[in-house]
Amino acid sequence: MRDTPGPWRGQRRAGFGAAVIVALCFHVFGAWNLAGAVPPQGDLLAYVLLLAGPLALAWRRRAPITVLVVAAAAAIGFAALTAPRWTYAVASLIALFSAVKAGRRGPALAVAAVGWLAWVLVTGPFAAPLGLAPAARTDARAALLVAAGLVVTVLLGGAAKARAEHFAEIMKVRAERARAHDEQERRQASEERLRIARELHDVLGHHLSLINVQAGVGLHLMDSRPEQAREALSAIKTASAEALREVRAVLGVLRPEEEAAPRQPALGLDRLAELTADAGLPVTTTTSGERRDLPAEVDRAAYRIVQEALTNVRRHAVPGATARVTVEYAADELRLSVRNDGAAVSGGAAASGAARAPEGNGIVGMRARAEALGGTLRAGPEGGGGFVVDAALPTAAVPARGGA
C-alpha cells in the first residue's frame, strides 16, 4: 500500500525512528544485569545479536520479511548465548507486526512459526547437546507464552492493516467526491456562461438590429418627412431602453442574491404581441389550439426563438418582406413557425436576399435552446424565396438540463 502524502508521511518517518529506539531500550536494558553471564569468547557476537534486531527495523517498510528473519534469528541467537527473556523479542514482535500490516501475512506467519519452533528446539531439547548454559534453557510454559505473544502480534498487525486500508478508502472516496464536485462546478459554470452568452446574443442582436433599421429610416426621412423620422427616433429610444432592461436582467444573475436587482417580468409568449409590434417589419401572428400555461423553460425558450427568428428576417430579408408567426398548442408540445415571404422581391433577388440566412450563432442558439428541452428546430429556405424556422418544444415533461 502506498504511503499517504502530506503530514502522514512525516509521522511514519518519525515512527521508524521511534520503533528502533524502543527496541534498543528493551534489548539493552533487558541485558543490563547479564554482564558476566556471557562467555568472554562470545561477547562480540552477543553484542552484535543484541543490536542487530533493533537496527534492522529501520528497513522494515522496504523489506519486512527480511527484517523479520534478521530480528528473529538475532533474538534466538542472543537467547541461546545468555538466557531467554521477553525483552529480547521486542524487535522481532515489531518486525512481525510491520510485516502483517504491510500485507505479507502469509510469509510473516511462516517465519514466525519457524522461528518459534527453532527457539523451542534450541533452548529446549537441543540445549544440552549444543552446550548451552542452564540459564539459556526454557520450558513448555515459556514456549506457550511466546506463542501467545506471536498470535496477539499477528492479530494486532491485521487490525492495523484493516484500519489503514479503511483510512485509505475514505481518503480515496473524499478525493473522488472532491474531483466530482469540482467537475460539476466547472460544468455548471460553463453551462451558465453559455446561457448568458446566448441570452446576450438574443437581446442585443434583436434590439441593435431594430435600432439599425430605424436609424436608417430616420436618416432617410429626416428632411422630407420629419414626423416619420421622429417616430423612428422614438422607436430607437424604446428599443434601446428595452435592450438595457433585458441586459440588466441577464447580468443580474451574476450578482450575489442579496444584491440582485428587482426581477423584471418574465419573458414568454404573453409578450408575443409586444415582440411582434416592435419587430421593425409587418408581422402576422396566428395562434391555434387550447392556450395553457407553459413550463417557464418552454415559455422563455419559445419567446427567444421567435425573437431571434424575427431578428434574422430583419437582417437578411429584402426590403418590404413580411413575416408570419404561427403558435400551435398541441397536446404534448408547443409548435412554432416563423416565415418570411420575400415579398416585393423578384426571383433571383429573393434567392440571394430573403433566402440567404447563414447558419450563424443565431440559428445555432435557437437549435440549442430547443434541444436543451428535448425538442427540435429546423431552419432553411423555402421555395418561394423566403426562409422558415420551425420548432417543436415538448411541454409534458421538460428535461432538467441547463442552458434552456
Protein backbone atom coordinates (compact mmCIF):
# COMPACT_ATOMS: atom_id res chain seq x y z
CA MET A 1 0.00 0.00 0.00
CA ARG A 2 1.29 3.44 -0.91
CA ASP A 3 2.34 5.90 1.72
CA THR A 4 -0.13 8.69 2.15
CA PRO A 5 1.40 12.02 1.12
CA GLY A 6 1.44 15.06 3.32
CA PRO A 7 1.76 15.08 7.13
CA TRP A 8 1.16 11.33 7.39
CA ARG A 9 4.46 10.69 5.65
CA GLY A 10 6.32 12.69 8.29
CA GLN A 11 4.52 10.80 11.06
CA ARG A 12 5.55 7.48 9.54
CA ARG A 13 9.16 8.56 9.28
CA ALA A 14 9.07 9.55 12.93
CA GLY A 15 7.57 6.14 13.69
CA PHE A 16 10.54 4.40 12.09
CA GLY A 17 12.99 6.02 14.49
CA ALA A 18 10.72 5.52 17.48
CA ALA A 19 10.47 1.78 16.82
CA VAL A 20 14.25 1.46 16.59
CA ILE A 21 14.79 3.41 19.82
CA VAL A 22 12.13 1.47 21.74
CA ALA A 23 13.54 -1.88 20.65
CA LEU A 24 17.09 -0.81 21.53
CA CYS A 25 15.98 0.26 25.00
CA PHE A 26 14.26 -3.06 25.70
CA HIS A 27 17.16 -5.09 24.37
CA VAL A 28 19.94 -3.15 26.08
CA PHE A 29 18.27 -2.63 29.46
CA GLY A 30 16.95 -6.17 29.43
CA ALA A 31 20.52 -7.45 29.16
CA TRP A 32 21.93 -4.92 31.67
CA ASN A 33 22.21 -7.38 34.56
CA LEU A 34 23.68 -10.13 32.39
CA ALA A 35 27.18 -8.71 32.47
CA GLY A 36 29.49 -11.63 33.03
CA ALA A 37 26.86 -14.19 32.06
CA VAL A 38 28.17 -14.30 28.51
CA PRO A 39 31.37 -16.27 27.94
CA PRO A 40 34.28 -13.97 27.06
CA GLN A 41 34.68 -15.55 23.64
CA GLY A 42 31.02 -14.77 22.90
CA ASP A 43 30.96 -11.12 23.97
CA LEU A 44 31.31 -9.63 20.49
CA LEU A 45 28.76 -11.98 18.93
CA ALA A 46 26.30 -11.35 21.77
CA TYR A 47 26.51 -7.59 21.33
CA VAL A 48 26.08 -7.92 17.57
CA LEU A 49 22.99 -10.10 18.05
CA LEU A 50 21.64 -7.76 20.71
CA LEU A 51 21.76 -4.75 18.39
CA ALA A 52 21.04 -6.42 15.04
CA GLY A 53 17.27 -6.77 15.53
CA PRO A 54 16.51 -3.19 16.61
CA LEU A 55 18.78 -1.65 13.96
CA ALA A 56 17.23 -3.80 11.23
CA LEU A 57 13.82 -2.25 12.00
CA ALA A 58 14.90 0.87 10.10
CA TRP A 59 14.31 -1.10 6.85
CA ARG A 60 11.10 -2.86 7.86
CA ARG A 61 8.99 -0.84 5.38
CA ARG A 62 11.17 -1.72 2.41
CA ALA A 63 11.86 -5.38 3.21
CA PRO A 64 9.51 -6.50 6.00
CA ILE A 65 10.14 -10.25 5.68
CA THR A 66 13.92 -9.89 5.52
CA VAL A 67 13.89 -7.67 8.61
CA LEU A 68 11.65 -10.20 10.40
CA VAL A 69 14.09 -13.02 9.61
CA VAL A 70 17.07 -10.98 10.85
CA ALA A 71 15.30 -9.89 14.05
CA ALA A 72 14.06 -13.40 14.84
CA ALA A 73 17.45 -15.01 14.21
CA ALA A 74 19.21 -12.38 16.34
CA ALA A 75 16.74 -12.87 19.21
CA ILE A 76 17.11 -16.67 19.14
CA GLY A 77 20.91 -16.45 18.97
CA PHE A 78 21.19 -13.98 21.84
CA ALA A 79 18.77 -16.00 23.99
CA ALA A 80 20.86 -19.11 23.35
CA LEU A 81 24.04 -17.30 24.45
CA THR A 82 22.54 -15.78 27.60
CA ALA A 83 19.08 -16.53 28.94
CA PRO A 84 15.59 -16.43 27.40
CA ARG A 85 13.87 -13.12 28.20
CA TRP A 86 10.87 -11.50 26.55
CA THR A 87 12.70 -8.20 26.19
CA TYR A 88 14.94 -9.71 23.50
CA ALA A 89 11.86 -10.43 21.37
CA VAL A 90 10.63 -6.81 21.15
CA ALA A 91 12.37 -6.16 17.81
CA SER A 92 11.02 -9.44 16.44
CA LEU A 93 7.47 -8.60 17.52
CA ILE A 94 7.69 -5.12 15.95
CA ALA A 95 9.02 -6.67 12.73
CA LEU A 96 6.20 -9.26 12.74
CA PHE A 97 3.60 -6.53 13.31
CA SER A 98 5.03 -4.44 10.44
CA ALA A 99 5.13 -7.40 8.04
CA VAL A 100 1.48 -8.30 8.69
CA LYS A 101 0.41 -4.66 8.40
CA ALA A 102 2.29 -4.41 5.09
CA GLY A 103 0.14 -7.21 3.68
CA ARG A 104 2.74 -10.00 3.98
CA ARG A 105 0.74 -12.04 6.45
CA GLY A 106 1.42 -15.46 4.90
CA PRO A 107 5.24 -15.19 4.76
CA ALA A 108 5.25 -13.48 8.16
CA LEU A 109 3.31 -16.36 9.74
CA ALA A 110 5.71 -18.86 8.17
CA VAL A 111 8.78 -17.04 9.51
CA ALA A 112 7.17 -16.65 12.95
CA ALA A 113 6.28 -20.36 13.11
CA VAL A 114 9.75 -21.48 12.01
CA GLY A 115 11.40 -19.02 14.40
CA TRP A 116 9.27 -20.12 17.33
CA LEU A 117 9.98 -23.80 16.60
CA ALA A 118 13.71 -23.10 16.25
CA TRP A 119 13.76 -21.20 19.56
CA VAL A 120 11.88 -24.01 21.35
CA LEU A 121 14.27 -26.66 19.97
CA VAL A 122 17.46 -24.68 20.59
CA THR A 123 16.55 -23.71 24.16
CA GLY A 124 14.79 -26.98 24.92
CA PRO A 125 15.69 -30.49 23.69
CA PHE A 126 18.90 -29.39 21.92
CA ALA A 127 20.15 -27.10 24.70
CA ALA A 128 22.34 -29.77 26.31
CA PRO A 129 23.82 -31.16 23.04
CA LEU A 130 24.64 -27.60 21.96
CA GLY A 131 26.37 -26.97 25.26
CA LEU A 132 24.07 -24.13 26.31
CA ALA A 133 24.18 -22.94 29.88
CA PRO A 134 21.31 -23.98 32.14
CA ALA A 135 20.11 -20.36 32.21
CA ALA A 136 19.60 -20.45 28.44
CA ARG A 137 17.15 -23.32 28.62
CA THR A 138 13.37 -22.84 28.55
CA ASP A 139 10.26 -24.84 29.41
CA ALA A 140 6.77 -25.52 27.99
CA ARG A 141 5.17 -22.62 29.88
CA ALA A 142 7.58 -20.11 28.35
CA ALA A 143 7.05 -21.64 24.90
CA LEU A 144 3.27 -21.20 25.21
CA LEU A 145 3.64 -17.61 26.37
CA VAL A 146 5.86 -16.81 23.39
CA ALA A 147 3.37 -18.46 21.02
CA ALA A 148 0.54 -16.41 22.55
CA GLY A 149 2.58 -13.24 22.10
CA LEU A 150 3.13 -14.06 18.43
CA VAL A 151 -0.58 -14.70 17.87
CA VAL A 152 -1.56 -11.40 19.53
CA THR A 153 1.02 -9.55 17.44
CA VAL A 154 -0.35 -11.05 14.22
CA LEU A 155 -3.90 -10.05 15.20
CA LEU A 156 -2.82 -6.50 16.03
CA GLY A 157 -0.97 -6.25 12.72
CA GLY A 158 -4.05 -7.43 10.84
CA ALA A 159 -6.22 -4.89 12.65
CA ALA A 160 -3.75 -2.11 11.85
CA LYS A 161 -3.73 -3.17 8.19
CA ALA A 162 -7.54 -3.12 8.05
CA ARG A 163 -7.60 0.32 9.68
CA ALA A 164 -5.01 1.67 7.24
CA GLU A 165 -6.97 0.28 4.27
CA HIS A 166 -10.18 1.79 5.64
CA PHE A 167 -8.49 5.17 6.03
CA ALA A 168 -7.05 4.94 2.51
CA GLU A 169 -10.50 4.10 1.14
CA ILE A 170 -12.00 7.09 2.96
CA MET A 171 -9.33 9.37 1.51
CA LYS A 172 -9.92 7.92 -1.96
CA VAL A 173 -13.68 8.48 -1.70
CA ARG A 174 -13.11 12.03 -0.48
CA ALA A 175 -10.73 12.73 -3.35
CA GLU A 176 -13.21 11.31 -5.88
CA ARG A 177 -16.02 13.37 -4.38
CA ALA A 178 -13.85 16.49 -4.50
CA ARG A 179 -12.98 15.82 -8.15
CA ALA A 180 -16.64 15.18 -8.99
CA HIS A 181 -17.67 18.36 -7.17
CA ASP A 182 -15.04 20.40 -9.00
CA GLU A 183 -16.08 18.90 -12.32
CA GLN A 184 -19.73 19.65 -11.60
CA GLU A 185 -18.89 23.24 -10.70
CA ARG A 186 -16.86 23.66 -13.89
CA ARG A 187 -19.67 22.15 -15.96
CA GLN A 188 -22.29 24.35 -14.32
CA ALA A 189 -20.11 27.43 -14.81
CA SER A 190 -19.63 26.54 -18.47
CA GLU A 191 -23.36 26.00 -18.97
CA GLU A 192 -24.13 29.27 -17.22
CA ARG A 193 -21.62 31.17 -19.38
CA LEU A 194 -23.16 29.62 -22.49
CA ARG A 195 -26.66 30.52 -21.33
CA ILE A 196 -25.69 34.11 -20.57
CA ALA A 197 -23.86 34.43 -23.90
CA ARG A 198 -26.94 33.12 -25.72
CA GLU A 199 -29.23 35.50 -23.82
CA LEU A 200 -26.99 38.48 -24.58
CA HIS A 201 -26.79 37.48 -28.23
CA ASP A 202 -30.56 37.28 -28.49
CA VAL A 203 -31.18 40.53 -26.62
CA LEU A 204 -28.51 42.64 -28.29
CA GLY A 205 -28.97 41.11 -31.73
CA HIS A 206 -32.69 41.78 -31.77
CA HIS A 207 -32.66 45.31 -30.41
CA LEU A 208 -29.49 46.52 -32.16
CA SER A 209 -30.85 45.23 -35.45
CA LEU A 210 -34.07 47.14 -34.83
CA ILE A 211 -32.13 50.27 -33.88
CA ASN A 212 -30.06 49.98 -37.05
CA VAL A 213 -33.16 49.72 -39.25
CA GLN A 214 -34.94 52.63 -37.55
CA ALA A 215 -31.81 54.78 -37.64
CA GLY A 216 -31.60 54.24 -41.41
CA VAL A 217 -35.25 55.18 -41.78
CA GLY A 218 -34.76 58.30 -39.69
CA LEU A 219 -31.76 59.47 -41.68
CA HIS A 220 -33.58 58.85 -44.94
CA LEU A 221 -36.74 60.73 -43.92
CA MET A 222 -35.24 63.44 -41.74
CA ASP A 223 -35.59 66.21 -44.36
CA SER A 224 -38.58 65.05 -46.39
CA ARG A 225 -40.80 63.54 -43.66
CA PRO A 226 -39.71 64.81 -40.24
CA GLU A 227 -42.75 63.33 -38.47
CA GLN A 228 -41.88 59.80 -39.60
CA ALA A 229 -38.23 60.46 -38.74
CA ARG A 230 -39.36 61.45 -35.26
CA GLU A 231 -41.29 58.18 -34.99
CA ALA A 232 -38.15 56.29 -35.99
CA LEU A 233 -36.17 58.08 -33.27
CA SER A 234 -38.88 57.20 -30.74
CA ALA A 235 -38.64 53.56 -31.82
CA ILE A 236 -34.86 53.72 -31.35
CA LYS A 237 -35.32 55.13 -27.85
CA THR A 238 -37.83 52.41 -26.95
CA ALA A 239 -35.65 49.63 -28.37
CA SER A 240 -32.52 50.86 -26.60
CA ALA A 241 -34.37 51.15 -23.28
CA GLU A 242 -35.75 47.62 -23.69
CA ALA A 243 -32.29 46.33 -24.58
CA LEU A 244 -30.79 47.91 -21.46
CA ARG A 245 -33.55 46.45 -19.32
CA GLU A 246 -33.07 42.94 -20.67
CA VAL A 247 -29.28 43.15 -20.42
CA ARG A 248 -29.63 44.17 -16.77
CA ALA A 249 -31.96 41.23 -16.21
CA VAL A 250 -29.47 38.81 -17.78
CA LEU A 251 -26.48 40.18 -15.90
CA GLY A 252 -28.48 40.26 -12.67
CA VAL A 253 -27.88 36.53 -12.26
CA LEU A 254 -24.18 37.27 -11.80
CA ARG A 255 -24.82 39.33 -8.67
CA PRO A 256 -24.97 37.85 -5.17
CA GLU A 257 -28.54 37.01 -4.25
CA GLU A 258 -28.75 39.72 -1.60
CA GLU A 259 -27.61 42.34 -4.15
CA ALA A 260 -29.80 41.19 -7.00
CA ALA A 261 -31.93 43.83 -8.65
CA PRO A 262 -35.72 43.51 -8.57
CA ARG A 263 -36.86 40.91 -11.04
CA GLN A 264 -38.31 42.06 -14.35
CA PRO A 265 -41.46 40.43 -15.77
CA ALA A 266 -40.59 37.00 -17.15
CA LEU A 267 -40.15 36.68 -20.89
CA GLY A 268 -42.73 34.43 -22.51
CA LEU A 269 -45.42 34.15 -25.13
CA ASP A 270 -47.60 36.52 -23.09
CA ARG A 271 -45.36 39.25 -24.53
CA LEU A 272 -45.58 37.95 -28.10
CA ALA A 273 -47.79 40.84 -29.25
CA GLU A 274 -45.28 43.34 -27.87
CA LEU A 275 -42.44 41.47 -29.56
CA THR A 276 -44.07 41.40 -33.00
CA ALA A 277 -45.16 45.03 -32.73
CA ASP A 278 -41.53 46.09 -32.21
CA ALA A 279 -40.13 43.74 -34.87
CA GLY A 280 -39.47 46.53 -37.37
CA LEU A 281 -41.43 44.85 -40.18
CA PRO A 282 -45.02 43.74 -40.75
CA VAL A 283 -45.73 40.57 -38.76
CA THR A 284 -48.88 38.44 -38.79
CA THR A 285 -49.46 36.26 -35.73
CA THR A 286 -51.68 33.17 -35.65
CA THR A 287 -52.38 31.09 -32.55
CA SER A 288 -54.18 27.74 -32.60
CA GLY A 289 -55.02 25.09 -30.06
CA GLU A 290 -56.12 25.46 -26.47
CA ARG A 291 -53.87 28.03 -24.87
CA ARG A 292 -52.49 26.98 -21.49
CA ASP A 293 -49.76 27.81 -19.02
CA LEU A 294 -46.38 26.51 -20.14
CA PRO A 295 -43.35 25.45 -18.11
CA ALA A 296 -41.16 28.50 -17.53
CA GLU A 297 -38.28 27.00 -19.54
CA VAL A 298 -40.51 26.30 -22.54
CA ASP A 299 -42.21 29.70 -22.38
CA ARG A 300 -38.90 31.55 -22.25
CA ALA A 301 -37.29 29.42 -24.98
CA ALA A 302 -40.31 29.95 -27.27
CA TYR A 303 -40.08 33.73 -26.83
CA ARG A 304 -36.35 33.73 -27.58
CA ILE A 305 -36.73 31.52 -30.65
CA VAL A 306 -39.41 33.79 -32.13
CA GLN A 307 -37.35 36.86 -31.23
CA GLU A 308 -34.20 35.54 -32.90
CA ALA A 309 -36.12 34.32 -35.96
CA LEU A 310 -37.65 37.78 -36.46
CA THR A 311 -34.21 39.33 -35.98
CA ASN A 312 -32.85 37.11 -38.75
CA VAL A 313 -35.74 38.13 -41.02
CA ARG A 314 -34.98 41.77 -40.42
CA ARG A 315 -31.27 41.24 -41.05
CA HIS A 316 -31.37 39.04 -44.12
CA ALA A 317 -34.71 39.60 -45.85
CA VAL A 318 -35.01 42.20 -48.58
CA PRO A 319 -36.89 45.47 -48.03
CA GLY A 320 -40.65 45.05 -48.00
CA ALA A 321 -40.58 41.49 -46.67
CA THR A 322 -43.23 40.43 -44.20
CA ALA A 323 -43.23 37.68 -41.58
CA ARG A 324 -45.79 35.21 -40.28
CA VAL A 325 -45.58 33.78 -36.77
CA THR A 326 -47.63 30.67 -36.01
CA VAL A 327 -48.02 29.27 -32.49
CA GLU A 328 -49.78 25.92 -32.09
CA TYR A 329 -50.61 24.45 -28.68
CA ALA A 330 -50.56 20.71 -29.39
CA ALA A 331 -51.40 18.01 -26.85
CA ASP A 332 -47.89 17.45 -25.57
CA GLU A 333 -45.78 20.04 -27.34
CA LEU A 334 -45.64 23.63 -28.47
CA ARG A 335 -45.08 24.18 -32.20
CA LEU A 336 -43.62 27.41 -33.51
CA SER A 337 -43.21 28.60 -37.07
CA VAL A 338 -41.70 31.87 -38.30
CA ARG A 339 -41.79 32.51 -42.06
CA ASN A 340 -40.93 35.46 -44.22
CA ASP A 341 -42.45 35.54 -47.70
CA GLY A 342 -39.79 37.56 -49.51
CA ALA A 343 -42.44 39.96 -50.79
CA ALA A 344 -41.52 42.85 -53.08
CA VAL A 345 -38.66 40.79 -54.48
CA SER A 346 -38.41 39.05 -57.78
CA GLY A 347 -36.88 35.66 -58.49
CA GLY A 348 -33.10 35.82 -58.20
CA ALA A 349 -33.14 38.73 -55.81
CA ALA A 350 -35.26 36.74 -53.44
CA ALA A 351 -32.95 33.80 -53.67
CA SER A 352 -29.95 35.90 -52.87
CA GLY A 353 -31.64 38.06 -50.26
CA ALA A 354 -34.58 36.70 -48.36
CA ALA A 355 -33.45 33.12 -48.53
CA ARG A 356 -29.92 33.90 -47.52
CA ALA A 357 -29.71 33.33 -43.76
CA PRO A 358 -26.38 31.75 -42.90
CA GLU A 359 -26.31 29.31 -40.02
CA GLY A 360 -24.54 31.62 -37.61
CA ASN A 361 -24.79 31.95 -33.85
CA GLY A 362 -28.49 32.85 -34.10
CA ILE A 363 -29.68 29.60 -35.64
CA VAL A 364 -27.19 27.60 -33.58
CA GLY A 365 -28.51 29.27 -30.42
CA MET A 366 -32.15 28.62 -31.36
CA ARG A 367 -31.41 24.97 -32.07
CA ALA A 368 -29.51 24.66 -28.78
CA ARG A 369 -32.48 26.08 -26.87
CA ALA A 370 -34.85 23.59 -28.49
CA GLU A 371 -32.57 20.59 -27.99
CA ALA A 372 -31.91 21.53 -24.35
CA LEU A 373 -35.62 20.98 -23.74
CA GLY A 374 -35.76 17.76 -25.74
CA GLY A 375 -37.27 19.47 -28.78
CA THR A 376 -36.27 20.04 -32.38
CA LEU A 377 -35.70 23.02 -34.65
CA ARG A 378 -35.42 23.24 -38.42
CA ALA A 379 -34.31 26.34 -40.30
CA GLY A 380 -33.88 26.75 -44.04
CA PRO A 381 -35.02 28.47 -47.23
CA GLU A 382 -38.45 27.97 -48.80
CA GLY A 383 -39.21 27.53 -52.45
CA GLY A 384 -40.86 30.93 -52.80
CA GLY A 385 -37.72 32.81 -51.84
CA GLY A 386 -38.43 33.13 -48.14
CA PHE A 387 -36.98 31.49 -45.06
CA VAL A 388 -38.66 29.33 -42.43
CA VAL A 389 -37.88 28.40 -38.83
CA ASP A 390 -39.95 25.54 -37.39
CA ALA A 391 -39.57 24.41 -33.77
CA ALA A 392 -41.28 21.82 -31.60
CA LEU A 393 -40.87 22.07 -27.82
CA PRO A 394 -42.23 19.29 -25.58
CA THR A 395 -44.41 20.54 -22.74
CA ALA A 396 -45.39 17.32 -20.97
CA ALA A 397 -42.04 16.60 -19.30
CA VAL A 398 -39.23 19.10 -19.61
CA PRO A 399 -35.76 17.54 -19.06
CA ALA A 400 -33.85 19.03 -16.10
CA ARG A 401 -31.00 20.42 -18.13
CA GLY A 402 -29.21 23.73 -18.02
CA GLY A 403 -28.86 26.25 -20.69
CA ALA A 404 -32.51 26.39 -21.76
